[in-house]
Amino acid sequence: MSRDVQKEIDDLVKANPVVLFMKGNASFPMCGFSARTAQVLQSCNVPFETVNVLADPEVREGVKVYGKWPTVPQLYVSGKLVGGCDITLELFESGELQTLLKQAADA
């Protein structure tokens, strides 16, 4: 039976209010962009799931197709792609990220 990576990714995104596809994990990020994105989420004091794309090359490539976004990290909140590191940082600085995260937590 063949693996349906897109369904696996979709299931993760739908099952977790906040999920970050990243290189490494929140405790041990393996690239600067992933580290900064995880740090921003940690500073917001919200629980979030991480998926280490380095552990699974099919997920690493599959998430790029799923989100129509060419790079990792990718942050999903309430089932929707927020973006990568730069967008996440911009939203955090403007306060919009905190609002999105609060809405996800309250849902």
C-alpha atoms as a PDB file:
ATOM      1  CA  MET A   1       0.000   0.000   0.000  1.00  0.00           C
ATOM      2  CA  SER A   2       1.431   3.370  -0.980  1.00  0.00           C
ATOM      3  CA  ARG A   3       1.778   6.203   1.454  1.00  0.00           C
ATOM      4  CA  ASP A   4      -0.430   9.289   1.075  1.00  0.00           C
ATOM      5  CA  VAL A   5       1.862  12.009   2.406  1.00  0.00           C
ATOM      6  CA  GLN A   6      -0.571  14.800   1.508  1.00  0.00           C
ATOM      7  CA  LYS A   7      -3.264  13.169   3.650  1.00  0.00           C
ATOM      8  CA  GLU A   8      -0.790  12.704   6.519  1.00  0.00           C
ATOM      9  CA  ILE A   9       0.106  16.408   6.368  1.00  0.00           C
ATOM     10  CA  ASP A  10      -3.546  17.423   6.085  1.00  0.00           C
ATOM     11  CA  ASP A  11      -4.423  15.265   9.097  1.00  0.00           C
ATOM     12  CA  LEU A  12      -1.627  16.902  11.158  1.00  0.00           C
ATOM     13  CA  VAL A  13      -2.709  20.405  10.159  1.00  0.00           C
ATOM     14  CA  LYS A  14      -6.357  19.711  10.984  1.00  0.00           C
ATOM     15  CA  ALA A  15      -5.634  17.862  14.254  1.00  0.00           C
ATOM     16  CA  ASN A  16      -3.449  20.591  15.771  1.00  0.00           C
ATOM     17  CA  PRO A  17      -4.547  24.209  16.267  1.00  0.00           C
ATOM     18  CA  VAL A  18      -0.913  25.309  15.809  1.00  0.00           C
ATOM     19  CA  VAL A  19       1.618  23.213  13.907  1.00  0.00           C
ATOM     20  CA  LEU A  20       5.084  24.149  12.741  1.00  0.00           C
ATOM     21  CA  PHE A  21       6.808  22.157  10.035  1.00  0.00           C
ATOM     22  CA  MET A  22      10.456  22.853  10.738  1.00  0.00           C
ATOM     23  CA  LYS A  23      13.986  21.534  10.578  1.00  0.00           C
ATOM     24  CA  GLY A  24      14.513  19.888  13.950  1.00  0.00           C
ATOM     25  CA  ASN A  25      12.112  20.497  16.819  1.00  0.00           C
ATOM     26  CA  ALA A  26      11.389  23.280  19.305  1.00  0.00           C
ATOM     27  CA  SER A  27      13.985  21.938  21.752  1.00  0.00           C
ATOM     28  CA  PHE A  28      16.632  21.354  19.106  1.00  0.00           C
ATOM     29  CA  PRO A  29      16.055  23.434  15.955  1.00  0.00           C
ATOM     30  CA  MET A  30      18.417  22.617  13.119  1.00  0.00           C
ATOM     31  CA  CYS A  31      18.359  25.887  11.179  1.00  0.00           C
ATOM     32  CA  GLY A  32      18.206  29.535  12.111  1.00  0.00           C
ATOM     33  CA  PHE A  33      14.839  30.206  10.461  1.00  0.00           C
ATOM     34  CA  SER A  34      13.234  27.276  12.251  1.00  0.00           C
ATOM     35  CA  ALA A  35      14.823  28.378  15.532  1.00  0.00           C
ATOM     36  CA  ARG A  36      13.495  31.945  15.230  1.00  0.00           C
ATOM     37  CA  THR A  37       9.998  30.778  14.325  1.00  0.00           C
ATOM     38  CA  ALA A  38       9.872  28.335  17.246  1.00  0.00           C
ATOM     39  CA  GLN A  39      11.195  31.014  19.631  1.00  0.00           C
ATOM     40  CA  VAL A  40       8.429  33.402  18.587  1.00  0.00           C
ATOM     41  CA  LEU A  41       5.791  30.735  19.228  1.00  0.00           C
ATOM     42  CA  GLN A  42       7.332  29.856  22.593  1.00  0.00           C
ATOM     43  CA  SER A  43       7.313  33.524  23.602  1.00  0.00           C
ATOM     44  CA  CYS A  44       3.558  33.597  22.909  1.00  0.00           C
ATOM     45  CA  ASN A  45       3.027  30.843  25.500  1.00  0.00           C
ATOM     46  CA  VAL A  46       0.827  28.698  23.280  1.00  0.00           C
ATOM     47  CA  PRO A  47       1.138  24.953  22.836  1.00  0.00           C
ATOM     48  CA  PHE A  48       2.196  23.976  19.362  1.00  0.00           C
ATOM     49  CA  GLU A  49       3.072  20.803  17.543  1.00  0.00           C
ATOM     50  CA  THR A  50       6.294  20.517  15.587  1.00  0.00           C
ATOM     51  CA  VAL A  51       7.060  18.229  12.671  1.00  0.00           C
ATOM     52  CA  ASN A  52      10.740  17.623  11.946  1.00  0.00           C
ATOM     53  CA  VAL A  53      10.899  17.572   8.143  1.00  0.00           C
ATOM     54  CA  LEU A  54      14.510  16.374   8.271  1.00  0.00           C
ATOM     55  CA  ALA A  55      13.303  13.069   9.711  1.00  0.00           C
ATOM     56  CA  ASP A  56      11.133  12.330   6.668  1.00  0.00           C
ATOM     57  CA  PRO A  57      12.151  13.490   3.162  1.00  0.00           C
ATOM     58  CA  GLU A  58       8.651  12.741   1.820  1.00  0.00           C
ATOM     59  CA  VAL A  59       7.096  15.107   4.365  1.00  0.00           C
ATOM     60  CA  ARG A  60       9.827  17.691   3.698  1.00  0.00           C
ATOM     61  CA  GLU A  61       8.901  17.818   0.013  1.00  0.00           C
ATOM     62  CA  GLY A  62       5.215  17.120   0.586  1.00  0.00           C
ATOM     63  CA  VAL A  63       4.639  20.101   2.850  1.00  0.00           C
ATOM     64  CA  LYS A  64       5.987  22.403   0.127  1.00  0.00           C
ATOM     65  CA  VAL A  65       3.351  21.030  -2.238  1.00  0.00           C
ATOM     66  CA  TYR A  66       0.612  21.028   0.420  1.00  0.00           C
ATOM     67  CA  GLY A  67       1.046  24.683   1.331  1.00  0.00           C
ATOM     68  CA  LYS A  68       2.177  25.833  -2.108  1.00  0.00           C
ATOM     69  CA  TRP A  69       5.106  27.374  -0.213  1.00  0.00           C
ATOM     70  CA  PRO A  70       8.671  26.571  -1.341  1.00  0.00           C
ATOM     71  CA  THR A  71      10.525  26.724   1.965  1.00  0.00           C
ATOM     72  CA  VAL A  72      10.538  25.415   5.521  1.00  0.00           C
ATOM     73  CA  PRO A  73       9.607  26.393   8.221  1.00  0.00           C
ATOM     74  CA  GLN A  74       5.890  26.606   7.589  1.00  0.00           C
ATOM     75  CA  LEU A  75       3.480  27.682  10.307  1.00  0.00           C
ATOM     76  CA  TYR A  76      -0.165  26.598  10.245  1.00  0.00           C
ATOM     77  CA  VAL A  77      -2.743  28.097  12.608  1.00  0.00           C
ATOM     78  CA  SER A  78      -6.330  26.861  12.647  1.00  0.00           C
ATOM     79  CA  GLY A  79      -5.691  24.800   9.530  1.00  0.00           C
ATOM     80  CA  LYS A  80      -4.378  27.717   7.470  1.00  0.00           C
ATOM     81  CA  LEU A  81      -0.862  28.483   6.309  1.00  0.00           C
ATOM     82  CA  VAL A  82       0.419  31.597   8.040  1.00  0.00           C
ATOM     83  CA  GLY A  83       3.782  31.535   6.273  1.00  0.00           C
ATOM     84  CA  GLY A  84       7.452  31.091   6.930  1.00  0.00           C
ATOM     85  CA  CYS A  85       9.872  32.736   9.296  1.00  0.00           C
ATOM     86  CA  ASP A  86       9.792  36.286   7.920  1.00  0.00           C
ATOM     87  CA  ILE A  87       5.994  36.499   7.794  1.00  0.00           C
ATOM     88  CA  THR A  88       5.680  34.964  11.261  1.00  0.00           C
ATOM     89  CA  LEU A  89       8.131  37.528  12.667  1.00  0.00           C
ATOM     90  CA  GLU A  90       6.312  40.419  10.962  1.00  0.00           C
ATOM     91  CA  LEU A  91       2.957  39.240  12.315  1.00  0.00           C
ATOM     92  CA  PHE A  92       4.464  38.856  15.789  1.00  0.00           C
ATOM     93  CA  GLU A  93       5.921  42.379  15.750  1.00  0.00           C
ATOM     94  CA  SER A  94       2.567  43.836  14.663  1.00  0.00           C
ATOM     95  CA  GLY A  95       0.624  41.821  17.266  1.00  0.00           C
ATOM     96  CA  GLU A  96      -1.402  39.983  14.623  1.00  0.00           C
ATOM     97  CA  LEU A  97       0.210  36.622  15.393  1.00  0.00           C
ATOM     98  CA  GLN A  98      -0.824  36.806  19.034  1.00  0.00           C
ATOM     99  CA  THR A  99      -4.413  37.485  17.929  1.00  0.00           C
ATOM    100  CA  LEU A 100      -4.372  34.508  15.550  1.00  0.00           C
ATOM    101  CA  LEU A 101      -2.946  32.247  18.232  1.00  0.00           C
ATOM    102  CA  LYS A 102      -5.513  33.385  20.806  1.00  0.00           C
ATOM    103  CA  GLN A 103      -8.340  32.716  18.346  1.00  0.00           C
ATOM    104  CA  ALA A 104      -6.941  29.234  17.666  1.00  0.00           C
ATOM    105  CA  ALA A 105      -6.683  28.512  21.399  1.00  0.00           C
ATOM    106  CA  ASP A 106     -10.249  29.720  22.011  1.00  0.00           C
ATOM    107  CA  ALA A 107     -11.719  27.709  19.119  1.00  0.00           C
END
